């Protein structure tokens, strides 16, 4: 239960937080570490998969593939690759198609 809010006002994907101390904000873009498990062909900038983050289910565009990295150690193997394929891990700049609330892993 949330004080002064009825159950009918809440929907899937809504985010609650402290408005005075580090309030949640929608991200215009964010960096994510992505591991491609099983995908036919190659993935390059402009690809738009549907991303599941908490209860959000939103299409996010691969704006830029920053670096390809080793899956186990996380060390960079290639800077600014053209594409990634199955089995690759990469740091990617993602742009959500709708407002989406994500937080930095290191902060929380």
PDB file of N, CA and C in Angstrom:
ATOM      1  N   UNK A   1       0.832  -1.196   0.000  1.00  0.00           N
ATOM      2  CA  UNK A   1       0.000   0.000   0.000  1.00  0.00           C
ATOM      3  C   UNK A   1       0.872   1.253   0.000  1.00  0.00           C
ATOM      4  N   UNK A   2       0.420   2.240  -0.745  1.00  0.00           N
ATOM      5  CA  UNK A   2       1.103   3.523  -0.796  1.00  0.00           C
ATOM      6  C   UNK A   2       0.152   4.572  -0.243  1.00  0.00           C
ATOM      7  N   UNK A   3       0.667   5.391   0.661  1.00  0.00           N
ATOM      8  CA  UNK A   3      -0.158   6.393   1.325  1.00  0.00           C
ATOM      9  C   UNK A   3      -0.771   7.374   0.320  1.00  0.00           C
ATOM     10  N   UNK A   4      -2.051   7.646   0.444  1.00  0.00           N
ATOM     11  CA  UNK A   4      -2.812   8.609  -0.365  1.00  0.00           C
ATOM     12  C   UNK A   4      -2.925   8.250  -1.848  1.00  0.00           C
ATOM     13  N   UNK A   5      -2.669   7.001  -2.218  1.00  0.00           N
ATOM     14  CA  UNK A   5      -2.817   6.566  -3.612  1.00  0.00           C
ATOM     15  C   UNK A   5      -3.637   5.284  -3.639  1.00  0.00           C
ATOM     16  N   UNK A   6      -4.679   5.289  -4.483  1.00  0.00           N
ATOM     17  CA  UNK A   6      -5.514   4.089  -4.576  1.00  0.00           C
ATOM     18  C   UNK A   6      -4.880   3.092  -5.546  1.00  0.00           C
ATOM     19  N   UNK A   7      -5.283   1.840  -5.434  1.00  0.00           N
ATOM     20  CA  UNK A   7      -4.762   0.779  -6.280  1.00  0.00           C
ATOM     21  C   UNK A   7      -5.102   1.039  -7.748  1.00  0.00           C
ATOM     22  N   UNK A   8      -6.222   1.672  -8.013  1.00  0.00           N
ATOM     23  CA  UNK A   8      -6.662   1.934  -9.387  1.00  0.00           C
ATOM     24  C   UNK A   8      -5.788   2.963 -10.103  1.00  0.00           C
ATOM     25  N   UNK A   9      -5.025   3.751  -9.359  1.00  0.00           N
ATOM     26  CA  UNK A   9      -4.146   4.758  -9.964  1.00  0.00           C
ATOM     27  C   UNK A   9      -2.789   4.181 -10.375  1.00  0.00           C
ATOM     28  N   UNK A  10      -2.452   2.992  -9.893  1.00  0.00           N
ATOM     29  CA  UNK A  10      -1.152   2.390 -10.183  1.00  0.00           C
ATOM     30  C   UNK A  10      -1.234   1.460 -11.391  1.00  0.00           C
ATOM     31  N   UNK A  11      -0.202   1.480 -12.219  1.00  0.00           N
ATOM     32  CA  UNK A  11      -0.126   0.641 -13.407  1.00  0.00           C
ATOM     33  C   UNK A  11       1.255  -0.017 -13.483  1.00  0.00           C
ATOM     34  N   UNK A  12       1.336  -1.066 -14.295  1.00  0.00           N
ATOM     35  CA  UNK A  12       2.598  -1.757 -14.528  1.00  0.00           C
ATOM     36  C   UNK A  12       3.599  -0.774 -15.136  1.00  0.00           C
ATOM     37  N   UNK A  13       4.819  -0.772 -14.616  1.00  0.00           N
ATOM     38  CA  UNK A  13       5.856   0.106 -15.144  1.00  0.00           C
ATOM     39  C   UNK A  13       6.010   1.413 -14.405  1.00  0.00           C
ATOM     40  N   UNK A  14       5.064   1.764 -13.533  1.00  0.00           N
ATOM     41  CA  UNK A  14       5.198   3.001 -12.759  1.00  0.00           C
ATOM     42  C   UNK A  14       6.383   2.868 -11.807  1.00  0.00           C
ATOM     43  N   UNK A  15       7.065   3.977 -11.563  1.00  0.00           N
ATOM     44  CA  UNK A  15       8.247   3.971 -10.699  1.00  0.00           C
ATOM     45  C   UNK A  15       8.005   4.899  -9.519  1.00  0.00           C
ATOM     46  N   UNK A  16       8.306   4.413  -8.318  1.00  0.00           N
ATOM     47  CA  UNK A  16       8.162   5.231  -7.110  1.00  0.00           C
ATOM     48  C   UNK A  16       9.544   5.468  -6.513  1.00  0.00           C
ATOM     49  N   UNK A  17       9.717   6.652  -5.923  1.00  0.00           N
ATOM     50  CA  UNK A  17      10.996   6.963  -5.303  1.00  0.00           C
ATOM     51  C   UNK A  17      10.875   8.165  -4.396  1.00  0.00           C
ATOM     52  N   UNK A  18      11.951   8.478  -3.705  1.00  0.00           N
ATOM     53  CA  UNK A  18      11.998   9.623  -2.804  1.00  0.00           C
ATOM     54  C   UNK A  18      12.193  10.891  -3.633  1.00  0.00           C
ATOM     55  N   UNK A  19      11.214  11.793  -3.605  1.00  0.00           N
ATOM     56  CA  UNK A  19      11.272  13.005  -4.434  1.00  0.00           C
ATOM     57  C   UNK A  19      12.325  14.004  -3.959  1.00  0.00           C
ATOM     58  N   UNK A  20      12.762  13.890  -2.706  1.00  0.00           N
ATOM     59  CA  UNK A  20      13.738  14.835  -2.166  1.00  0.00           C
ATOM     60  C   UNK A  20      15.176  14.312  -2.233  1.00  0.00           C
ATOM     61  N   UNK A  21      15.343  12.998  -2.170  1.00  0.00           N
ATOM     62  CA  UNK A  21      16.678  12.404  -2.156  1.00  0.00           C
ATOM     63  C   UNK A  21      16.850  11.496  -3.377  1.00  0.00           C
ATOM     64  N   UNK A  22      17.544  11.989  -4.402  1.00  0.00           N
ATOM     65  CA  UNK A  22      17.836  11.224  -5.615  1.00  0.00           C
ATOM     66  C   UNK A  22      16.565  10.666  -6.269  1.00  0.00           C
ATOM     67  N   UNK A  23      15.680  11.542  -6.778  1.00  0.00           N
ATOM     68  CA  UNK A  23      14.429  11.073  -7.385  1.00  0.00           C
ATOM     69  C   UNK A  23      14.673  10.309  -8.689  1.00  0.00           C
ATOM     70  N   UNK A  24      13.822   9.321  -9.009  1.00  0.00           N
ATOM     71  CA  UNK A  24      13.993   8.592 -10.271  1.00  0.00           C
ATOM     72  C   UNK A  24      13.694   9.502 -11.465  1.00  0.00           C
ATOM     73  N   UNK A  25      14.484   9.347 -12.530  1.00  0.00           N
ATOM     74  CA  UNK A  25      14.308  10.161 -13.737  1.00  0.00           C
ATOM     75  C   UNK A  25      14.309   9.252 -14.958  1.00  0.00           C
ATOM     76  N   UNK A  26      13.639   9.698 -16.022  1.00  0.00           N
ATOM     77  CA  UNK A  26      13.650   8.963 -17.284  1.00  0.00           C
ATOM     78  C   UNK A  26      14.990   9.193 -17.977  1.00  0.00           C
ATOM     79  N   UNK A  27      15.552   8.142 -18.535  1.00  0.00           N
ATOM     80  CA  UNK A  27      16.845   8.247 -19.218  1.00  0.00           C
ATOM     81  C   UNK A  27      16.630   8.480 -20.708  1.00  0.00           C
ATOM     82  N   UNK A  28      17.336   9.469 -21.272  1.00  0.00           N
ATOM     83  CA  UNK A  28      17.246   9.706 -22.714  1.00  0.00           C
ATOM     84  C   UNK A  28      18.097   8.674 -23.458  1.00  0.00           C
ATOM     85  N   UNK A  29      19.197   8.248 -22.839  1.00  0.00           N
ATOM     86  CA  UNK A  29      20.020   7.156 -23.349  1.00  0.00           C
ATOM     87  C   UNK A  29      20.852   6.614 -22.189  1.00  0.00           C
ATOM     88  N   UNK A  30      21.393   5.410 -22.357  1.00  0.00           N
ATOM     89  CA  UNK A  30      22.198   4.812 -21.295  1.00  0.00           C
ATOM     90  C   UNK A  30      23.154   3.783 -21.884  1.00  0.00           C
ATOM     91  N   UNK A  31      24.234   3.514 -21.144  1.00  0.00           N
ATOM     92  CA  UNK A  31      25.202   2.491 -21.537  1.00  0.00           C
ATOM     93  C   UNK A  31      24.821   1.172 -20.884  1.00  0.00           C
ATOM     94  N   UNK A  32      24.908   0.088 -21.650  1.00  0.00           N
ATOM     95  CA  UNK A  32      24.590  -1.229 -21.119  1.00  0.00           C
ATOM     96  C   UNK A  32      25.606  -2.242 -21.620  1.00  0.00           C
ATOM     97  N   UNK A  33      25.924  -3.221 -20.768  1.00  0.00           N
ATOM     98  CA  UNK A  33      26.750  -4.336 -21.215  1.00  0.00           C
ATOM     99  C   UNK A  33      25.802  -5.396 -21.743  1.00  0.00           C
ATOM    100  N   UNK A  34      25.963  -5.767 -22.996  1.00  0.00           N
ATOM    101  CA  UNK A  34      25.062  -6.697 -23.673  1.00  0.00           C
ATOM    102  C   UNK A  34      25.845  -7.939 -24.070  1.00  0.00           C
ATOM    103  N   UNK A  35      25.264  -9.125 -23.823  1.00  0.00           N
ATOM    104  CA  UNK A  35      25.853 -10.379 -24.295  1.00  0.00           C
ATOM    105  C   UNK A  35      24.862 -10.999 -25.268  1.00  0.00           C
ATOM    106  N   UNK A  36      25.304 -11.248 -26.484  1.00  0.00           N
ATOM    107  CA  UNK A  36      24.444 -11.833 -27.517  1.00  0.00           C
ATOM    108  C   UNK A  36      24.521 -13.347 -27.370  1.00  0.00           C
ATOM    109  N   UNK A  37      23.421 -13.959 -26.936  1.00  0.00           N
ATOM    110  CA  UNK A  37      23.411 -15.400 -26.718  1.00  0.00           C
ATOM    111  C   UNK A  37      23.123 -16.165 -28.001  1.00  0.00           C
ATOM    112  N   UNK A  38      22.015 -15.823 -28.667  1.00  0.00           N
ATOM    113  CA  UNK A  38      21.615 -16.553 -29.862  1.00  0.00           C
ATOM    114  C   UNK A  38      20.906 -15.590 -30.797  1.00  0.00           C
ATOM    115  N   UNK A  39      21.563 -15.213 -31.882  1.00  0.00           N
ATOM    116  CA  UNK A  39      20.965 -14.282 -32.840  1.00  0.00           C
ATOM    117  C   UNK A  39      21.471 -14.617 -34.237  1.00  0.00           C
ATOM    118  N   UNK A  40      20.547 -14.773 -35.201  1.00  0.00           N
ATOM    119  CA  UNK A  40      21.009 -15.049 -36.571  1.00  0.00           C
ATOM    120  C   UNK A  40      21.639 -13.799 -37.184  1.00  0.00           C
ATOM    121  N   UNK A  41      22.788 -13.946 -37.785  1.00  0.00           N
ATOM    122  CA  UNK A  41      23.442 -12.809 -38.433  1.00  0.00           C
ATOM    123  C   UNK A  41      24.142 -11.903 -37.442  1.00  0.00           C
ATOM    124  N   UNK A  42      24.430 -10.676 -37.895  1.00  0.00           N
ATOM    125  CA  UNK A  42      25.167  -9.721 -37.076  1.00  0.00           C
ATOM    126  C   UNK A  42      24.269  -8.575 -36.642  1.00  0.00           C
ATOM    127  N   UNK A  43      24.642  -7.945 -35.529  1.00  0.00           N
ATOM    128  CA  UNK A  43      23.904  -6.802 -34.987  1.00  0.00           C
ATOM    129  C   UNK A  43      24.800  -5.576 -35.120  1.00  0.00           C
ATOM    130  N   UNK A  44      24.257  -4.506 -35.706  1.00  0.00           N
ATOM    131  CA  UNK A  44      25.032  -3.272 -35.846  1.00  0.00           C
ATOM    132  C   UNK A  44      24.218  -2.098 -35.310  1.00  0.00           C
ATOM    133  N   UNK A  45      24.793  -0.904 -35.350  1.00  0.00           N
ATOM    134  CA  UNK A  45      24.092   0.295 -34.880  1.00  0.00           C
ATOM    135  C   UNK A  45      22.794   0.467 -35.666  1.00  0.00           C
ATOM    136  N   UNK A  46      21.727   0.878 -34.960  1.00  0.00           N
ATOM    137  CA  UNK A  46      20.422   1.042 -35.592  1.00  0.00           C
ATOM    138  C   UNK A  46      19.474  -0.107 -35.291  1.00  0.00           C
ATOM    139  N   UNK A  47      20.005  -1.244 -34.823  1.00  0.00           N
ATOM    140  CA  UNK A  47      19.171  -2.394 -34.461  1.00  0.00           C
ATOM    141  C   UNK A  47      18.305  -2.012 -33.262  1.00  0.00           C
ATOM    142  N   UNK A  48      17.021  -2.405 -33.268  1.00  0.00           N
ATOM    143  CA  UNK A  48      16.100  -2.004 -32.199  1.00  0.00           C
ATOM    144  C   UNK A  48      15.382  -3.214 -31.596  1.00  0.00           C
ATOM    145  N   UNK A  49      15.984  -3.877 -30.600  1.00  0.00           N
ATOM    146  CA  UNK A  49      15.298  -4.985 -29.927  1.00  0.00           C
ATOM    147  C   UNK A  49      14.380  -4.472 -28.822  1.00  0.00           C
ATOM    148  N   UNK A  50      13.486  -5.338 -28.341  1.00  0.00           N
ATOM    149  CA  UNK A  50      12.643  -4.998 -27.191  1.00  0.00           C
ATOM    150  C   UNK A  50      13.402  -5.408 -25.933  1.00  0.00           C
ATOM    151  N   UNK A  51      13.539  -4.466 -25.010  1.00  0.00           N
ATOM    152  CA  UNK A  51      14.318  -4.663 -23.793  1.00  0.00           C
ATOM    153  C   UNK A  51      13.378  -4.826 -22.602  1.00  0.00           C
ATOM    154  N   UNK A  52      13.664  -5.790 -21.728  1.00  0.00           N
ATOM    155  CA  UNK A  52      12.909  -5.969 -20.490  1.00  0.00           C
ATOM    156  C   UNK A  52      13.789  -5.535 -19.333  1.00  0.00           C
ATOM    157  N   UNK A  53      13.382  -4.471 -18.641  1.00  0.00           N
ATOM    158  CA  UNK A  53      14.118  -3.956 -17.489  1.00  0.00           C
ATOM    159  C   UNK A  53      13.113  -3.763 -16.361  1.00  0.00           C
ATOM    160  N   UNK A  54      13.235  -4.538 -15.300  1.00  0.00           N
ATOM    161  CA  UNK A  54      12.247  -4.579 -14.218  1.00  0.00           C
ATOM    162  C   UNK A  54      10.893  -4.953 -14.827  1.00  0.00           C
ATOM    163  N   UNK A  55       9.881  -4.101 -14.750  1.00  0.00           N
ATOM    164  CA  UNK A  55       8.584  -4.421 -15.356  1.00  0.00           C
ATOM    165  C   UNK A  55       8.389  -3.720 -16.692  1.00  0.00           C
ATOM    166  N   UNK A  56       9.342  -2.906 -17.113  1.00  0.00           N
ATOM    167  CA  UNK A  56       9.234  -2.199 -18.399  1.00  0.00           C
ATOM    168  C   UNK A  56       9.542  -3.152 -19.556  1.00  0.00           C
ATOM    169  N   UNK A  57       8.846  -2.967 -20.670  1.00  0.00           N
ATOM    170  CA  UNK A  57       8.985  -3.786 -21.875  1.00  0.00           C
ATOM    171  C   UNK A  57       9.013  -2.802 -23.043  1.00  0.00           C
ATOM    172  N   UNK A  58      10.207  -2.255 -23.362  1.00  0.00           N
ATOM    173  CA  UNK A  58      10.324  -1.116 -24.274  1.00  0.00           C
ATOM    174  C   UNK A  58      11.376  -1.381 -25.352  1.00  0.00           C
ATOM    175  N   UNK A  59      11.072  -0.950 -26.585  1.00  0.00           N
ATOM    176  CA  UNK A  59      12.041  -1.050 -27.680  1.00  0.00           C
ATOM    177  C   UNK A  59      13.151  -0.029 -27.457  1.00  0.00           C
ATOM    178  N   UNK A  60      14.397  -0.478 -27.571  1.00  0.00           N
ATOM    179  CA  UNK A  60      15.557   0.400 -27.400  1.00  0.00           C
ATOM    180  C   UNK A  60      16.484   0.240 -28.601  1.00  0.00           C
ATOM    181  N   UNK A  61      16.895   1.363 -29.165  1.00  0.00           N
ATOM    182  CA  UNK A  61      17.745   1.362 -30.358  1.00  0.00           C
ATOM    183  C   UNK A  61      19.224   1.333 -29.973  1.00  0.00           C
ATOM    184  N   UNK A  62      20.009   0.506 -30.665  1.00  0.00           N
ATOM    185  CA  UNK A  62      21.457   0.493 -30.502  1.00  0.00           C
ATOM    186  C   UNK A  62      21.977   1.741 -31.203  1.00  0.00           C
ATOM    187  N   UNK A  63      22.229   2.814 -30.461  1.00  0.00           N
ATOM    188  CA  UNK A  63      22.713   4.057 -31.059  1.00  0.00           C
ATOM    189  C   UNK A  63      24.168   3.903 -31.489  1.00  0.00           C
ATOM    190  N   UNK A  64      24.969   3.252 -30.639  1.00  0.00           N
ATOM    191  CA  UNK A  64      26.396   3.095 -30.939  1.00  0.00           C
ATOM    192  C   UNK A  64      26.942   1.901 -30.170  1.00  0.00           C
ATOM    193  N   UNK A  65      27.738   1.095 -30.839  1.00  0.00           N
ATOM    194  CA  UNK A  65      28.449   0.007 -30.164  1.00  0.00           C
ATOM    195  C   UNK A  65      29.815   0.572 -29.779  1.00  0.00           C
ATOM    196  N   UNK A  66      30.009   0.830 -28.494  1.00  0.00           N
ATOM    197  CA  UNK A  66      31.222   1.503 -28.005  1.00  0.00           C
ATOM    198  C   UNK A  66      32.454   0.601 -28.058  1.00  0.00           C
ATOM    199  N   UNK A  67      32.301  -0.622 -27.506  1.00  0.00           N
ATOM    200  CA  UNK A  67      33.447  -1.534 -27.469  1.00  0.00           C
ATOM    201  C   UNK A  67      32.985  -2.972 -27.358  1.00  0.00           C
ATOM    202  N   UNK A  68      33.786  -3.859 -27.906  1.00  0.00           N
ATOM    203  CA  UNK A  68      33.557  -5.290 -27.771  1.00  0.00           C
ATOM    204  C   UNK A  68      34.461  -5.744 -26.636  1.00  0.00           C
ATOM    205  N   UNK A  69      33.943  -6.588 -25.738  1.00  0.00           N
ATOM    206  CA  UNK A  69      34.758  -6.998 -24.594  1.00  0.00           C
ATOM    207  C   UNK A  69      34.677  -8.509 -24.370  1.00  0.00           C
ATOM    208  N   UNK A  70      35.613  -9.015 -23.592  1.00  0.00           N
ATOM    209  CA  UNK A  70      35.654 -10.430 -23.250  1.00  0.00           C
ATOM    210  C   UNK A  70      34.512 -10.747 -22.294  1.00  0.00           C
ATOM    211  N   UNK A  71      33.783 -11.823 -22.547  1.00  0.00           N
ATOM    212  CA  UNK A  71      32.613 -12.169 -21.724  1.00  0.00           C
ATOM    213  C   UNK A  71      32.974 -12.468 -20.280  1.00  0.00           C
ATOM    214  N   UNK A  72      34.123 -13.097 -20.060  1.00  0.00           N
ATOM    215  CA  UNK A  72      34.490 -13.512 -18.706  1.00  0.00           C
ATOM    216  C   UNK A  72      35.200 -12.423 -17.912  1.00  0.00           C
ATOM    217  N   UNK A  73      36.189 -11.781 -18.518  1.00  0.00           N
ATOM    218  CA  UNK A  73      36.995 -10.804 -17.780  1.00  0.00           C
ATOM    219  C   UNK A  73      36.448  -9.387 -17.876  1.00  0.00           C
ATOM    220  N   UNK A  74      35.722  -9.072 -18.947  1.00  0.00           N
ATOM    221  CA  UNK A  74      35.202  -7.723 -19.145  1.00  0.00           C
ATOM    222  C   UNK A  74      36.206  -6.775 -19.771  1.00  0.00           C
ATOM    223  N   UNK A  75      37.395  -7.284 -20.129  1.00  0.00           N
ATOM    224  CA  UNK A  75      38.424  -6.433 -20.741  1.00  0.00           C
ATOM    225  C   UNK A  75      38.083  -6.145 -22.202  1.00  0.00           C
ATOM    226  N   UNK A  76      38.376  -4.928 -22.628  1.00  0.00           N
ATOM    227  CA  UNK A  76      38.091  -4.493 -23.992  1.00  0.00           C
ATOM    228  C   UNK A  76      38.948  -5.263 -24.996  1.00  0.00           C
ATOM    229  N   UNK A  77      38.292  -5.813 -26.036  1.00  0.00           N
ATOM    230  CA  UNK A  77      39.020  -6.514 -27.095  1.00  0.00           C
ATOM    231  C   UNK A  77      39.040  -5.707 -28.389  1.00  0.00           C
ATOM    232  N   UNK A  78      38.029  -4.820 -28.583  1.00  0.00           N
ATOM    233  CA  UNK A  78      37.976  -4.005 -29.802  1.00  0.00           C
ATOM    234  C   UNK A  78      37.197  -2.724 -29.525  1.00  0.00           C
ATOM    235  N   UNK A  79      37.727  -1.593 -29.961  1.00  0.00           N
ATOM    236  CA  UNK A  79      37.052  -0.294 -29.805  1.00  0.00           C
ATOM    237  C   UNK A  79      36.191  -0.009 -31.033  1.00  0.00           C
ATOM    238  N   UNK A  80      35.006   0.541 -30.834  1.00  0.00           N
ATOM    239  CA  UNK A  80      34.082   0.934 -31.909  1.00  0.00           C
ATOM    240  C   UNK A  80      33.928  -0.112 -33.014  1.00  0.00           C
ATOM    241  N   UNK A  81      33.505  -1.348 -32.671  1.00  0.00           N
ATOM    242  CA  UNK A  81      33.320  -2.351 -33.724  1.00  0.00           C
ATOM    243  C   UNK A  81      32.114  -2.004 -34.601  1.00  0.00           C
ATOM    244  N   UNK A  82      32.138  -2.460 -35.847  1.00  0.00           N
ATOM    245  CA  UNK A  82      31.024  -2.211 -36.773  1.00  0.00           C
ATOM    246  C   UNK A  82      29.796  -3.025 -36.364  1.00  0.00           C
ATOM    247  N   UNK A  83      30.031  -4.277 -35.896  1.00  0.00           N
ATOM    248  CA  UNK A  83      28.913  -5.151 -35.538  1.00  0.00           C
ATOM    249  C   UNK A  83      29.346  -6.164 -34.482  1.00  0.00           C
ATOM    250  N   UNK A  84      28.331  -6.836 -33.898  1.00  0.00           N
ATOM    251  CA  UNK A  84      28.569  -7.929 -32.953  1.00  0.00           C
ATOM    252  C   UNK A  84      27.722  -9.114 -33.393  1.00  0.00           C
ATOM    253  N   UNK A  85      28.111 -10.320 -32.970  1.00  0.00           N
ATOM    254  CA  UNK A  85      27.387 -11.527 -33.367  1.00  0.00           C
ATOM    255  C   UNK A  85      27.178 -12.428 -32.149  1.00  0.00           C
ATOM    256  N   UNK A  86      26.550 -13.580 -32.350  1.00  0.00           N
ATOM    257  CA  UNK A  86      26.295 -14.524 -31.260  1.00  0.00           C
ATOM    258  C   UNK A  86      27.586 -14.877 -30.536  1.00  0.00           C
ATOM    259  N   UNK A  87      27.541 -14.850 -29.216  1.00  0.00           N
ATOM    260  CA  UNK A  87      28.701 -15.160 -28.393  1.00  0.00           C
ATOM    261  C   UNK A  87      29.513 -13.948 -27.983  1.00  0.00           C
ATOM    262  N   UNK A  88      29.236 -12.788 -28.584  1.00  0.00           N
ATOM    263  CA  UNK A  88      29.983 -11.568 -28.262  1.00  0.00           C
ATOM    264  C   UNK A  88      29.369 -10.832 -27.079  1.00  0.00           C
ATOM    265  N   UNK A  89      30.220 -10.103 -26.361  1.00  0.00           N
ATOM    266  CA  UNK A  89      29.777  -9.185 -25.309  1.00  0.00           C
ATOM    267  C   UNK A  89      30.236  -7.798 -25.723  1.00  0.00           C
ATOM    268  N   UNK A  90      29.406  -6.793 -25.448  1.00  0.00           N
ATOM    269  CA  UNK A  90      29.752  -5.436 -25.872  1.00  0.00           C
ATOM    270  C   UNK A  90      29.151  -4.403 -24.935  1.00  0.00           C
ATOM    271  N   UNK A  91      29.767  -3.218 -24.920  1.00  0.00           N
ATOM    272  CA  UNK A  91      29.215  -2.056 -24.230  1.00  0.00           C
ATOM    273  C   UNK A  91      28.509  -1.239 -25.305  1.00  0.00           C
ATOM    274  N   UNK A  92      27.205  -1.017 -25.116  1.00  0.00           N
ATOM    275  CA  UNK A  92      26.375  -0.398 -26.146  1.00  0.00           C
ATOM    276  C   UNK A  92      25.636   0.807 -25.577  1.00  0.00           C
ATOM    277  N   UNK A  93      25.529   1.875 -26.369  1.00  0.00           N
ATOM    278  CA  UNK A  93      24.720   3.036 -25.999  1.00  0.00           C
ATOM    279  C   UNK A  93      23.309   2.786 -26.526  1.00  0.00           C
ATOM    280  N   UNK A  94      22.328   2.667 -25.623  1.00  0.00           N
ATOM    281  CA  UNK A  94      20.942   2.376 -25.991  1.00  0.00           C
ATOM    282  C   UNK A  94      20.070   3.610 -25.826  1.00  0.00           C
ATOM    283  N   UNK A  95      19.132   3.808 -26.767  1.00  0.00           N
ATOM    284  CA  UNK A  95      18.190   4.923 -26.715  1.00  0.00           C
ATOM    285  C   UNK A  95      16.779   4.337 -26.686  1.00  0.00           C
ATOM    286  N   UNK A  96      16.041   4.482 -25.553  1.00  0.00           N
ATOM    287  CA  UNK A  96      14.682   3.939 -25.479  1.00  0.00           C
ATOM    288  C   UNK A  96      13.700   4.729 -26.343  1.00  0.00           C
ATOM    289  N   UNK A  97      12.695   4.023 -26.908  1.00  0.00           N
ATOM    290  CA  UNK A  97      11.700   4.679 -27.760  1.00  0.00           C
ATOM    291  C   UNK A  97      10.658   5.436 -26.935  1.00  0.00           C
ATOM    292  N   UNK A  98      10.462   5.036 -25.677  1.00  0.00           N
ATOM    293  CA  UNK A  98       9.554   5.723 -24.745  1.00  0.00           C
ATOM    294  C   UNK A  98      10.355   6.051 -23.487  1.00  0.00           C
ATOM    295  N   UNK A  99       9.863   6.968 -22.640  1.00  0.00           N
ATOM    296  CA  UNK A  99      10.589   7.245 -21.392  1.00  0.00           C
ATOM    297  C   UNK A  99      10.774   5.970 -20.562  1.00  0.00           C
ATOM    298  N   UNK A 100      11.988   5.789 -20.062  1.00  0.00           N
ATOM    299  CA  UNK A 100      12.316   4.576 -19.309  1.00  0.00           C
ATOM    300  C   UNK A 100      13.223   4.945 -18.145  1.00  0.00           C
ATOM    301  N   UNK A 101      12.947   4.381 -16.983  1.00  0.00           N
ATOM    302  CA  UNK A 101      13.734   4.672 -15.790  1.00  0.00           C
ATOM    303  C   UNK A 101      14.733   3.536 -15.565  1.00  0.00           C
ATOM    304  N   UNK A 102      16.021   3.859 -15.660  1.00  0.00           N
ATOM    305  CA  UNK A 102      17.088   2.894 -15.377  1.00  0.00           C
ATOM    306  C   UNK A 102      18.077   3.560 -14.430  1.00  0.00           C
ATOM    307  N   UNK A 103      18.738   2.749 -13.601  1.00  0.00           N
ATOM    308  CA  UNK A 103      19.726   3.319 -12.687  1.00  0.00           C
ATOM    309  C   UNK A 103      21.071   2.652 -12.913  1.00  0.00           C
ATOM    310  N   UNK A 104      22.107   3.358 -12.546  1.00  0.00           N
ATOM    311  CA  UNK A 104      23.467   2.863 -12.699  1.00  0.00           C
ATOM    312  C   UNK A 104      23.707   1.712 -11.727  1.00  0.00           C
ATOM    313  N   UNK A 105      24.325   0.628 -12.215  1.00  0.00           N
ATOM    314  CA  UNK A 105      24.609  -0.529 -11.374  1.00  0.00           C
ATOM    315  C   UNK A 105      25.562  -0.159 -10.245  1.00  0.00           C
ATOM    316  N   UNK A 106      26.540   0.706 -10.514  1.00  0.00           N
ATOM    317  CA  UNK A 106      27.539   1.069  -9.504  1.00  0.00           C
ATOM    318  C   UNK A 106      26.953   1.915  -8.371  1.00  0.00           C
ATOM    319  N   UNK A 107      25.890   2.684  -8.650  1.00  0.00           N
ATOM    320  CA  UNK A 107      25.279   3.529  -7.615  1.00  0.00           C
ATOM    321  C   UNK A 107      24.385   2.745  -6.670  1.00  0.00           C
ATOM    322  N   UNK A 108      23.722   1.725  -7.177  1.00  0.00           N
ATOM    323  CA  UNK A 108      22.753   1.006  -6.363  1.00  0.00           C
ATOM    324  C   UNK A 108      23.162  -0.432  -6.227  1.00  0.00           C
TER     325      UNK A 108
END
